[in-house]
C-alpha atoms as a PDB file:
ATOM      1  CA  MET A   1      78.560  91.461  90.461  1.00  0.00           C
ATOM      2  CA  LEU A   2      78.611  94.659  92.904  1.00  0.00           C
ATOM      3  CA  GLY A   3      80.475  94.636  96.101  1.00  0.00           C
ATOM      4  CA  GLU A   4      83.285  96.499  97.919  1.00  0.00           C
ATOM      5  CA  SER A   5      86.837  95.051  97.757  1.00  0.00           C
ATOM      6  CA  GLY A   6      87.224  92.020  99.944  1.00  0.00           C
ATOM      7  CA  THR A   7      83.385  91.199  99.984  1.00  0.00           C
ATOM      8  CA  GLY A   8      84.285  87.832  98.118  1.00  0.00           C
ATOM      9  CA  LYS A   9      83.288  88.533  94.369  1.00  0.00           C
ATOM     10  CA  ASP A  10      85.966  85.839  93.235  1.00  0.00           C
ATOM     11  CA  VAL A  11      84.635  83.409  95.767  1.00  0.00           C
ATOM     12  CA  ALA A  12      81.021  83.795  94.649  1.00  0.00           C
ATOM     13  CA  ALA A  13      81.834  83.564  91.136  1.00  0.00           C
ATOM     14  CA  GLN A  14      83.546  80.180  91.816  1.00  0.00           C
ATOM     15  CA  ALA A  15      80.532  79.250  93.539  1.00  0.00           C
ATOM     16  CA  LEU A  16      78.319  79.993  90.589  1.00  0.00           C
ATOM     17  CA  HIS A  17      80.499  77.874  88.431  1.00  0.00           C
ATOM     18  CA  ARG A  18      80.669  74.919  90.816  1.00  0.00           C
ATOM     19  CA  SER A  19      76.613  74.964  91.189  1.00  0.00           C
ATOM     20  CA  ASN A  20      75.704  74.516  87.357  1.00  0.00           C
ATOM     21  CA  LEU A  21      76.237  72.238  84.538  1.00  0.00           C
ATOM     22  CA  ARG A  22      79.486  73.830  83.510  1.00  0.00           C
ATOM     23  CA  ARG A  23      81.227  72.842  86.477  1.00  0.00           C
ATOM     24  CA  ASP A  24      83.358  70.278  84.691  1.00  0.00           C
ATOM     25  CA  ARG A  25      84.827  72.993  82.230  1.00  0.00           C
ATOM     26  CA  ALA A  26      87.473  75.587  82.739  1.00  0.00           C
ATOM     27  CA  PHE A  27      86.717  78.408  85.418  1.00  0.00           C
ATOM     28  CA  VAL A  28      89.204  81.409  84.005  1.00  0.00           C
ATOM     29  CA  ALA A  29      89.678  84.573  86.349  1.00  0.00           C
ATOM     30  CA  VAL A  30      90.736  87.583  84.852  1.00  0.00           C
ATOM     31  CA  ASN A  31      91.753  90.993  87.100  1.00  0.00           C
ATOM     32  CA  CYS A  32      91.063  93.452  83.855  1.00  0.00           C
ATOM     33  CA  GLY A  33      92.811  96.345  85.915  1.00  0.00           C
ATOM     34  CA  ALA A  34      96.174  94.294  86.312  1.00  0.00           C
ATOM     35  CA  ILE A  35      96.488  93.785  82.334  1.00  0.00           C
ATOM     36  CA  SER A  36      98.822  96.118  80.507  1.00  0.00           C
ATOM     37  CA  PRO A  37      96.092  98.597  78.162  1.00  0.00           C
ATOM     38  CA  HIS A  38      98.661  97.480  75.261  1.00  0.00           C
ATOM     39  CA  LEU A  39      98.287  93.792  75.727  1.00  0.00           C
ATOM     40  CA  ALA A  40      94.377  93.675  76.825  1.00  0.00           C
ATOM     41  CA  GLU A  41      93.158  92.781  73.329  1.00  0.00           C
ATOM     42  CA  SER A  42      95.805  90.139  73.063  1.00  0.00           C
ATOM     43  CA  GLU A  43      95.259  88.512  76.423  1.00  0.00           C
ATOM     44  CA  LEU A  44      91.567  88.488  76.221  1.00  0.00           C
ATOM     45  CA  PHE A  45      91.080  87.263  72.507  1.00  0.00           C
ATOM     46  CA  GLY A  46      94.578  86.150  71.441  1.00  0.00           C
ATOM     47  CA  HIS A  47      96.860  86.490  68.716  1.00  0.00           C
ATOM     48  CA  VAL A  48      98.217  84.329  66.028  1.00  0.00           C
ATOM     49  CA  ALA A  49     101.870  84.054  65.323  1.00  0.00           C
ATOM     50  CA  GLY A  50     103.441  87.246  63.626  1.00  0.00           C
ATOM     51  CA  ALA A  51     100.606  89.480  64.547  1.00  0.00           C
ATOM     52  CA  PHE A  52     102.910  91.989  65.783  1.00  0.00           C
ATOM     53  CA  THR A  53     106.562  92.165  66.590  1.00  0.00           C
ATOM     54  CA  GLY A  54     107.430  89.564  69.191  1.00  0.00           C
ATOM     55  CA  ALA A  55     104.559  87.476  68.407  1.00  0.00           C
ATOM     56  CA  ASP A  56     106.545  84.523  67.458  1.00  0.00           C
ATOM     57  CA  HIS A  57     103.545  81.956  68.174  1.00  0.00           C
ATOM     58  CA  GLN A  58      99.928  81.588  68.543  1.00  0.00           C
ATOM     59  CA  HIS A  59      98.346  82.473  72.134  1.00  0.00           C
ATOM     60  CA  LEU A  60      94.996  81.523  73.222  1.00  0.00           C
ATOM     61  CA  GLY A  61      93.117  84.053  74.739  1.00  0.00           C
ATOM     62  CA  PHE A  62      91.196  83.988  78.017  1.00  0.00           C
ATOM     63  CA  PHE A  63      88.008  83.803  75.977  1.00  0.00           C
ATOM     64  CA  GLU A  64      89.204  80.693  74.107  1.00  0.00           C
ATOM     65  CA  ARG A  65      90.658  79.154  77.574  1.00  0.00           C
ATOM     66  CA  ALA A  66      87.308  79.746  79.203  1.00  0.00           C
ATOM     67  CA  ASP A  67      85.324  78.157  76.076  1.00  0.00           C
ATOM     68  CA  GLY A  68      82.533  75.777  77.605  1.00  0.00           C
ATOM     69  CA  GLY A  69      82.933  77.093  81.067  1.00  0.00           C
ATOM     70  CA  MET A  70      82.876  80.470  82.735  1.00  0.00           C
ATOM     71  CA  LEU A  71      84.726  83.537  82.426  1.00  0.00           C
ATOM     72  CA  PHE A  72      84.999  86.130  85.527  1.00  0.00           C
ATOM     73  CA  LEU A  73      86.277  89.359  84.446  1.00  0.00           C
ATOM     74  CA  ASP A  74      86.950  91.098  87.876  1.00  0.00           C
ATOM     75  CA  GLU A  75      87.162  94.761  88.070  1.00  0.00           C
ATOM     76  CA  ILE A  76      85.695  95.544  84.706  1.00  0.00           C
ATOM     77  CA  THR A  77      86.199  99.195  84.891  1.00  0.00           C
ATOM     78  CA  GLY A  78      89.903  98.939  84.840  1.00  0.00           C
ATOM     79  CA  MET A  79      89.340  97.565  81.000  1.00  0.00           C
ATOM     80  CA  PRO A  80      90.562 100.222  78.347  1.00  0.00           C
ATOM     81  CA  GLY A  81      87.782 101.705  76.561  1.00  0.00           C
ATOM     82  CA  SER A  82      88.787 100.611  73.317  1.00  0.00           C
ATOM     83  CA  THR A  83      88.701  96.800  74.341  1.00  0.00           C
ATOM     84  CA  GLN A  84      85.383  97.414  75.978  1.00  0.00           C
ATOM     85  CA  VAL A  85      84.246  98.071  72.506  1.00  0.00           C
ATOM     86  CA  LYS A  86      85.747  94.867  71.226  1.00  0.00           C
ATOM     87  CA  LEU A  87      84.201  92.901  74.250  1.00  0.00           C
ATOM     88  CA  LEU A  88      80.656  94.196  73.600  1.00  0.00           C
ATOM     89  CA  ARG A  89      80.635  92.808  70.258  1.00  0.00           C
ATOM     90  CA  VAL A  90      81.963  89.381  71.487  1.00  0.00           C
ATOM     91  CA  LEU A  91      79.329  89.323  74.044  1.00  0.00           C
ATOM     92  CA  ASP A  92      76.832  89.869  71.510  1.00  0.00           C
ATOM     93  CA  THR A  93      77.769  87.340  68.860  1.00  0.00           C
ATOM     94  CA  GLY A  94      79.759  85.031  70.855  1.00  0.00           C
ATOM     95  CA  ARG A  95      82.629  85.267  67.980  1.00  0.00           C
ATOM     96  CA  VAL A  96      86.342  86.112  68.906  1.00  0.00           C
ATOM     97  CA  ALA A  97      88.674  87.274  66.478  1.00  0.00           C
ATOM     98  CA  PRO A  98      92.153  87.018  67.636  1.00  0.00           C
ATOM     99  CA  VAL A  99      94.800  89.835  66.992  1.00  0.00           C
ATOM    100  CA  GLY A 100      96.288  89.145  63.289  1.00  0.00           C
ATOM    101  CA  ALA A 101      93.528  86.582  62.441  1.00  0.00           C
ATOM    102  CA  THR A 102      91.397  86.573  59.319  1.00  0.00           C
ATOM    103  CA  GLU A 103      88.493  84.253  60.634  1.00  0.00           C
ATOM    104  CA  GLU A 104      86.632  84.700  63.736  1.00  0.00           C
ATOM    105  CA  ILE A 105      86.335  81.725  66.244  1.00  0.00           C
ATOM    106  CA  GLN A 106      82.929  80.766  67.688  1.00  0.00           C
ATOM    107  CA  THR A 107      82.890  80.675  71.517  1.00  0.00           C
ATOM    108  CA  HIS A 108      80.475  79.778  74.412  1.00  0.00           C
ATOM    109  CA  MET A 109      80.736  80.389  77.881  1.00  0.00           C
ATOM    110  CA  ARG A 110      79.062  82.074  80.658  1.00  0.00           C
ATOM    111  CA  VAL A 111      80.600  85.548  81.477  1.00  0.00           C
ATOM    112  CA  VAL A 112      80.244  87.079  84.678  1.00  0.00           C
ATOM    113  CA  ALA A 113      81.676  90.767  85.315  1.00  0.00           C
ATOM    114  CA  ALA A 114      82.332  92.557  88.771  1.00  0.00           C
ATOM    115  CA  THR A 115      83.371  95.849  90.009  1.00  0.00           C
ATOM    116  CA  ASN A 116      83.700  97.320  93.549  1.00  0.00           C
ATOM    117  CA  CYS A 117      82.946 100.659  91.867  1.00  0.00           C
ATOM    118  CA  ASP A 118      79.494 102.361  91.677  1.00  0.00           C
ATOM    119  CA  PRO A 119      78.614 101.507  87.939  1.00  0.00           C
ATOM    120  CA  GLN A 120      76.702 104.812  87.727  1.00  0.00           C
ATOM    121  CA  HIS A 121      79.533 106.916  88.730  1.00  0.00           C
ATOM    122  CA  ALA A 122      82.103 104.815  86.152  1.00  0.00           C
ATOM    123  CA  ILE A 123      79.744 105.648  83.564  1.00  0.00           C
ATOM    124  CA  ARG A 124      79.699 108.984  84.120  1.00  0.00           C
ATOM    125  CA  SER A 125      83.372 109.327  84.748  1.00  0.00           C
ATOM    126  CA  GLY A 126      83.888 107.599  81.207  1.00  0.00           C
ATOM    127  CA  LYS A 127      85.315 104.514  82.765  1.00  0.00           C
ATOM    128  CA  LEU A 128      82.564 102.299  81.992  1.00  0.00           C
ATOM    129  CA  ARG A 129      80.732 101.954  78.403  1.00  0.00           C
ATOM    130  CA  PRO A 130      77.159 102.337  79.157  1.00  0.00           C
ATOM    131  CA  ASP A 131      76.185  99.960  76.410  1.00  0.00           C
ATOM    132  CA  LEU A 132      78.378  97.466  77.913  1.00  0.00           C
ATOM    133  CA  TYR A 133      77.101  97.980  81.420  1.00  0.00           C
ATOM    134  CA  TYR A 134      73.569  97.385  80.186  1.00  0.00           C
ATOM    135  CA  ARG A 135      74.797  94.293  78.072  1.00  0.00           C
ATOM    136  CA  LEU A 136      76.518  92.592  81.111  1.00  0.00           C
ATOM    137  CA  ASN A 137      73.750  93.892  83.570  1.00  0.00           C
ATOM    138  CA  VAL A 138      71.385  90.781  82.731  1.00  0.00           C
ATOM    139  CA  PHE A 139      71.204  89.153  86.328  1.00  0.00           C
ATOM    140  CA  PRO A 140      72.752  91.846  88.587  1.00  0.00           C
ATOM    141  CA  ILE A 141      74.071  90.295  92.047  1.00  0.00           C
ATOM    142  CA  CYS A 142      75.157  92.800  95.075  1.00  0.00           C
ATOM    143  CA  LEU A 143      77.312  91.137  97.753  1.00  0.00           C
ATOM    144  CA  PRO A 144      76.632  92.986 101.089  1.00  0.00           C
ATOM    145  CA  ARG A 145      79.390  94.418 103.551  1.00  0.00           C
ATOM    146  CA  LEU A 146      80.510  92.209 106.005  1.00  0.00           C
ATOM    147  CA  ARG A 147      79.099  94.716 108.816  1.00  0.00           C
ATOM    148  CA  GLU A 148      75.529  94.249 107.331  1.00  0.00           C
ATOM    149  CA  ARG A 149      75.744  90.009 107.284  1.00  0.00           C
ATOM    150  CA  GLY A 150      74.750  89.674 110.935  1.00  0.00           C
ATOM    151  CA  ARG A 151      75.947  86.292 112.386  1.00  0.00           C
ATOM    152  CA  ASP A 152      77.720  85.615 109.328  1.00  0.00           C
ATOM    153  CA  ILE A 153      80.557  87.673 110.821  1.00  0.00           C
ATOM    154  CA  GLU A 154      81.048  84.807 113.556  1.00  0.00           C
ATOM    155  CA  LEU A 155      80.492  81.848 111.367  1.00  0.00           C
ATOM    156  CA  LEU A 156      83.455  83.041 109.124  1.00  0.00           C
ATOM    157  CA  ALA A 157      85.593  83.596 112.061  1.00  0.00           C
ATOM    158  CA  PHE A 158      85.219  80.219 113.445  1.00  0.00           C
ATOM    159  CA  ALA A 159      85.880  78.857 109.960  1.00  0.00           C
ATOM    160  CA  PHE A 160      88.689  80.531 109.524  1.00  0.00           C
ATOM    161  CA  VAL A 161      90.045  79.713 113.185  1.00  0.00           C
ATOM    162  CA  ASP A 162      89.163  76.066 112.195  1.00  0.00           C
ATOM    163  CA  GLU A 163      90.897  76.206 108.650  1.00  0.00           C
ATOM    164  CA  LEU A 164      94.270  77.142 110.567  1.00  0.00           C
ATOM    165  CA  ASN A 165      93.743  74.561 113.104  1.00  0.00           C
ATOM    166  CA  ARG A 166      93.715  72.249 110.404  1.00  0.00           C
ATOM    167  CA  GLN A 167      96.688  73.451 108.844  1.00  0.00           C
ATOM    168  CA  HIS A 168      98.595  73.842 112.106  1.00  0.00           C
ATOM    169  CA  GLY A 169      97.668  71.087 114.112  1.00  0.00           C
ATOM    170  CA  THR A 170      96.352  73.409 116.849  1.00  0.00           C
ATOM    171  CA  ARG A 171      93.287  73.472 118.922  1.00  0.00           C
ATOM    172  CA  LYS A 172      92.320  77.164 119.205  1.00  0.00           C
ATOM    173  CA  SER A 173      88.923  78.715 119.292  1.00  0.00           C
ATOM    174  CA  ILE A 174      86.766  81.786 120.175  1.00  0.00           C
ATOM    175  CA  PRO A 175      84.964  81.857 123.635  1.00  0.00           C
ATOM    176  CA  GLY A 176      81.109  82.152 123.582  1.00  0.00           C
ATOM    177  CA  GLY A 177      81.177  85.169 125.986  1.00  0.00           C
ATOM    178  CA  GLN A 178      83.381  87.419 123.801  1.00  0.00           C
ATOM    179  CA  ARG A 179      82.144  86.761 120.316  1.00  0.00           C
ATOM    180  CA  GLU A 180      79.895  90.005 120.129  1.00  0.00           C
ATOM    181  CA  MET A 181      82.961  91.796 120.235  1.00  0.00           C
ATOM    182  CA  LEU A 182      83.426  90.837 116.492  1.00  0.00           C
ATOM    183  CA  TYR A 183      80.252  92.996 115.627  1.00  0.00           C
ATOM    184  CA  THR A 184      81.320  96.185 116.935  1.00  0.00           C
ATOM    185  CA  TYR A 185      83.851  96.932 114.315  1.00  0.00           C
ATOM    186  CA  PRO A 186      82.589  97.912 110.810  1.00  0.00           C
ATOM    187  CA  TRP A 187      85.264  95.786 109.019  1.00  0.00           C
ATOM    188  CA  PRO A 188      85.806  98.168 106.216  1.00  0.00           C
ATOM    189  CA  GLY A 189      88.063  95.629 104.522  1.00  0.00           C
ATOM    190  CA  ASN A 190      85.120  93.052 104.641  1.00  0.00           C
ATOM    191  CA  VAL A 191      85.851  89.224 104.989  1.00  0.00           C
ATOM    192  CA  ARG A 192      89.248  89.818 103.546  1.00  0.00           C
ATOM    193  CA  GLU A 193      90.375  91.991 106.676  1.00  0.00           C
ATOM    194  CA  LEU A 194      88.491  89.464 109.121  1.00  0.00           C
ATOM    195  CA  ARG A 195      90.595  86.584 107.571  1.00  0.00           C
ATOM    196  CA  ASN A 196      93.901  88.580 107.872  1.00  0.00           C
ATOM    197  CA  ASP A 197      93.341  89.836 111.551  1.00  0.00           C
ATOM    198  CA  VAL A 198      92.329  86.088 112.497  1.00  0.00           C
ATOM    199  CA  GLN A 199      95.281  84.794 110.995  1.00  0.00           C
ATOM    200  CA  ARG A 200      97.702  87.316 112.311  1.00  0.00           C
ATOM    201  CA  ALA A 201      96.088  86.658 115.782  1.00  0.00           C
ATOM    202  CA  HIS A 202      96.714  82.773 115.056  1.00  0.00           C
ATOM    203  CA  VAL A 203     100.442  82.965 113.927  1.00  0.00           C
ATOM    204  CA  MET A 204     101.196  85.619 117.053  1.00  0.00           C
ATOM    205  CA  SER A 205     100.310  82.762 119.546  1.00  0.00           C
ATOM    206  CA  GLY A 206     102.165  79.612 120.304  1.00  0.00           C
ATOM    207  CA  LYS A 207     101.129  76.181 119.093  1.00  0.00           C
ATOM    208  CA  ASP A 208     101.514  74.233 122.047  1.00  0.00           C
ATOM    209  CA  SER A 209     102.066  76.467 124.997  1.00  0.00           C
ATOM    210  CA  GLU A 210      99.312  78.253 127.042  1.00  0.00           C
ATOM    211  CA  SER A 211     101.129  81.431 126.411  1.00  0.00           C
ATOM    212  CA  THR A 212      99.191  83.983 124.716  1.00  0.00           C
ATOM    213  CA  ALA A 213     100.204  86.548 122.260  1.00  0.00           C
ATOM    214  CA  ILE A 214      98.863  90.325 122.147  1.00  0.00           C
ATOM    215  CA  VAL A 215      97.389  90.983 118.570  1.00  0.00           C
ATOM    216  CA  PRO A 216      95.885  94.188 117.612  1.00  0.00           C
ATOM    217  CA  VAL A 217      92.218  93.629 116.464  1.00  0.00           C
ATOM    218  CA  PRO A 218      89.693  96.305 115.383  1.00  0.00           C
ATOM    219  CA  VAL A 219      86.907  97.005 117.999  1.00  0.00           C
ATOM    220  CA  THR A 220      85.602  99.825 119.277  1.00  0.00           C
ATOM    221  CA  PHE A 221      85.269 100.913 123.081  1.00  0.00           C
ATOM    222  CA  SER A 222      81.789 101.919 122.918  1.00  0.00           C
ATOM    223  CA  GLY A 223      78.888  99.882 122.586  1.00  0.00           C
ATOM    224  CA  HIS A 224      78.278 100.937 118.738  1.00  0.00           C
ATOM    225  CA  ALA A 225      80.713 101.012 115.542  1.00  0.00           C
ATOM    226  CA  PRO A 226      81.387 104.473 113.958  1.00  0.00           C
ATOM    227  CA  GLU A 227      80.071 105.173 110.925  1.00  0.00           C
ATOM    228  CA  PRO A 228      81.954 103.539 108.022  1.00  0.00           C
ATOM    229  CA  HIS A 229      81.255 106.311 105.675  1.00  0.00           C
ATOM    230  CA  THR A 230      82.624 109.420 107.944  1.00  0.00           C
ATOM    231  CA  PRO A 231      86.135 109.763 107.009  1.00  0.00           C
ATOM    232  CA  SER A 232      86.921 111.418 110.373  1.00  0.00           C
ATOM    233  CA  ALA A 233      85.596 108.364 112.592  1.00  0.00           C
ATOM    234  CA  SER A 234      88.425 106.611 114.330  1.00  0.00           C
ATOM    235  CA  VAL A 235      88.651 103.339 115.966  1.00  0.00           C
ATOM    236  CA  LEU A 236      90.647 102.223 118.943  1.00  0.00           C
ATOM    237  CA  ARG A 237      91.907  98.820 118.715  1.00  0.00           C
ATOM    238  CA  SER A 238      91.802  96.622 121.637  1.00  0.00           C
ATOM    239  CA  VAL A 239      93.399  93.687 122.391  1.00  0.00           C
ATOM    240  CA  MET A 240      93.060  89.908 121.381  1.00  0.00           C
ATOM    241  CA  GLN A 241      94.744  87.139 123.095  1.00  0.00           C
ATOM    242  CA  ILE A 242      94.972  83.648 121.736  1.00  0.00           C
ATOM    243  CA  GLY A 243      95.991  80.643 123.648  1.00  0.00           C
ATOM    244  CA  ALA A 244      96.072  76.868 122.985  1.00  0.00           C
ATOM    245  CA  GLY A 245      92.702  75.647 124.164  1.00  0.00           C
ATOM    246  CA  CYS A 246      90.640  72.638 123.744  1.00  0.00           C
ATOM    247  CA  GLY A 247      87.255  73.952 122.834  1.00  0.00           C
ATOM    248  CA  HIS A 248      85.247  76.833 122.156  1.00  0.00           C
ATOM    249  CA  GLY A 249      85.653  77.790 125.808  1.00  0.00           C
ATOM    250  CA  GLN A 250      89.041  78.909 125.779  1.00  0.00           C
ATOM    251  CA  GLY A 251      91.523  79.810 123.215  1.00  0.00           C
ATOM    252  CA  VAL A 252      91.019  83.249 121.386  1.00  0.00           C
ATOM    253  CA  ARG A 253      89.713  85.677 124.176  1.00  0.00           C
ATOM    254  CA  TRP A 254      89.398  89.567 124.697  1.00  0.00           C
ATOM    255  CA  ARG A 255      91.150  91.003 127.643  1.00  0.00           C
ATOM    256  CA  ASP A 256      88.557  91.600 130.326  1.00  0.00           C
ATOM    257  CA  GLY A 257      87.737  95.489 130.938  1.00  0.00           C
ATOM    258  CA  ASP A 258      89.095  96.936 127.704  1.00  0.00           C
ATOM    259  CA  CYS A 259      85.620  97.120 126.095  1.00  0.00           C
ATOM    260  CA  GLY A 260      83.892  99.573 128.574  1.00  0.00           C
ATOM    261  CA  GLU A 261      83.682 103.286 127.397  1.00  0.00           C
ATOM    262  CA  GLU A 262      85.104 104.354 130.620  1.00  0.00           C
ATOM    263  CA  ASN A 263      87.942 101.827 130.463  1.00  0.00           C
ATOM    264  CA  ALA A 264      89.090 103.169 127.036  1.00  0.00           C
ATOM    265  CA  ILE A 265      91.999 105.526 128.485  1.00  0.00           C
ATOM    266  CA  PRO A 266      93.328 103.011 130.709  1.00  0.00           C
ATOM    267  CA  ALA A 267      93.070 100.271 128.279  1.00  0.00           C
ATOM    268  CA  ALA A 268      94.776 102.282 125.530  1.00  0.00           C
ATOM    269  CA  ARG A 269      97.684 103.116 128.109  1.00  0.00           C
ATOM    270  CA  ARG A 270      98.119  99.433 128.818  1.00  0.00           C
ATOM    271  CA  VAL A 271      98.877  98.697 125.141  1.00  0.00           C
ATOM    272  CA  SER A 272      99.925 101.793 123.891  1.00  0.00           C
ATOM    273  CA  ASP A 273     102.057 100.023 121.304  1.00  0.00           C
ATOM    274  CA  ALA A 274      99.200  98.174 120.094  1.00  0.00           C
ATOM    275  CA  VAL A 275      96.360 100.341 119.844  1.00  0.00           C
ATOM    276  CA  THR A 276      96.136 102.406 116.666  1.00  0.00           C
ATOM    277  CA  THR A 277      93.601 104.695 115.569  1.00  0.00           C
ATOM    278  CA  ARG A 278      92.019 103.952 112.300  1.00  0.00           C
ATOM    279  CA  THR A 279      90.257 106.277 109.966  1.00  0.00           C
ATOM    280  CA  ARG A 280      87.998 104.243 107.214  1.00  0.00           C
ATOM    281  CA  SER A 281      86.004 105.474 104.456  1.00  0.00           C
ATOM    282  CA  LYS A 282      83.096 103.892 102.342  1.00  0.00           C
ATOM    283  CA  MET A 283      83.415 101.998  99.133  1.00  0.00           C
ATOM    284  CA  HIS A 284      85.853 104.286  96.813  1.00  0.00           C
ATOM    285  CA  LYS A 285      84.407 105.690  93.854  1.00  0.00           C
ATOM    286  CA  CYS A 286      86.217 105.137  90.506  1.00  0.00           C
END
């Protein structure tokens, strides 16, 4: 599973799990980059009591815990090379050898691996074994950037607002006339960034009053988004105001006049403490 950070790889993996016959079994998600290289083998494959100093009891690895279900290996390029070799054998045979054990354990599960890096670049840089990549690359799934998902941006924003309304008992919404502003920003942080911006705006507004909060939300003052892959491209943030409304006609709204290119300087002066210049780049390379 390939996709930039924040595109929802973990959510997609959980959706895959819920849609197959293994849905009643365990779903185990592992961030390979967060595991200490010295503990990677023990965490993945487990160990028996006495396998090493401090191992005073048996430990079930992620493979045993996910037996019969799904194992999601996120950021696979963060896994040490020596562990990648052992993972390759487990994928080929389905048998796991816990650290210190004399016998292997048969397992059976669906394995999904994900990365936010270009796999070919990771192979060339030595962070991903080519044989492991070709073993995992049975059914590749590419998650698009948020800016490439069209109307999904608006639908996701609505979903996040509705979720916050249910949690906090509010009735805030995004007005129909201003929704196109969501499409003018490239969203380099993808769905995660959109969710955080919506949540921040919701928190900054009052729960019951008609007062509004001025919250920085990324949009461009021109009619198009800057090229996300251009390091020097900067984005001026406009102002989003959220009030307590009763429908999609009020609530979250953009300040009138802040979106025209000719009004960029006056708008920036009015909200100088909220307007920032942002530089973004494309998906990082490992």
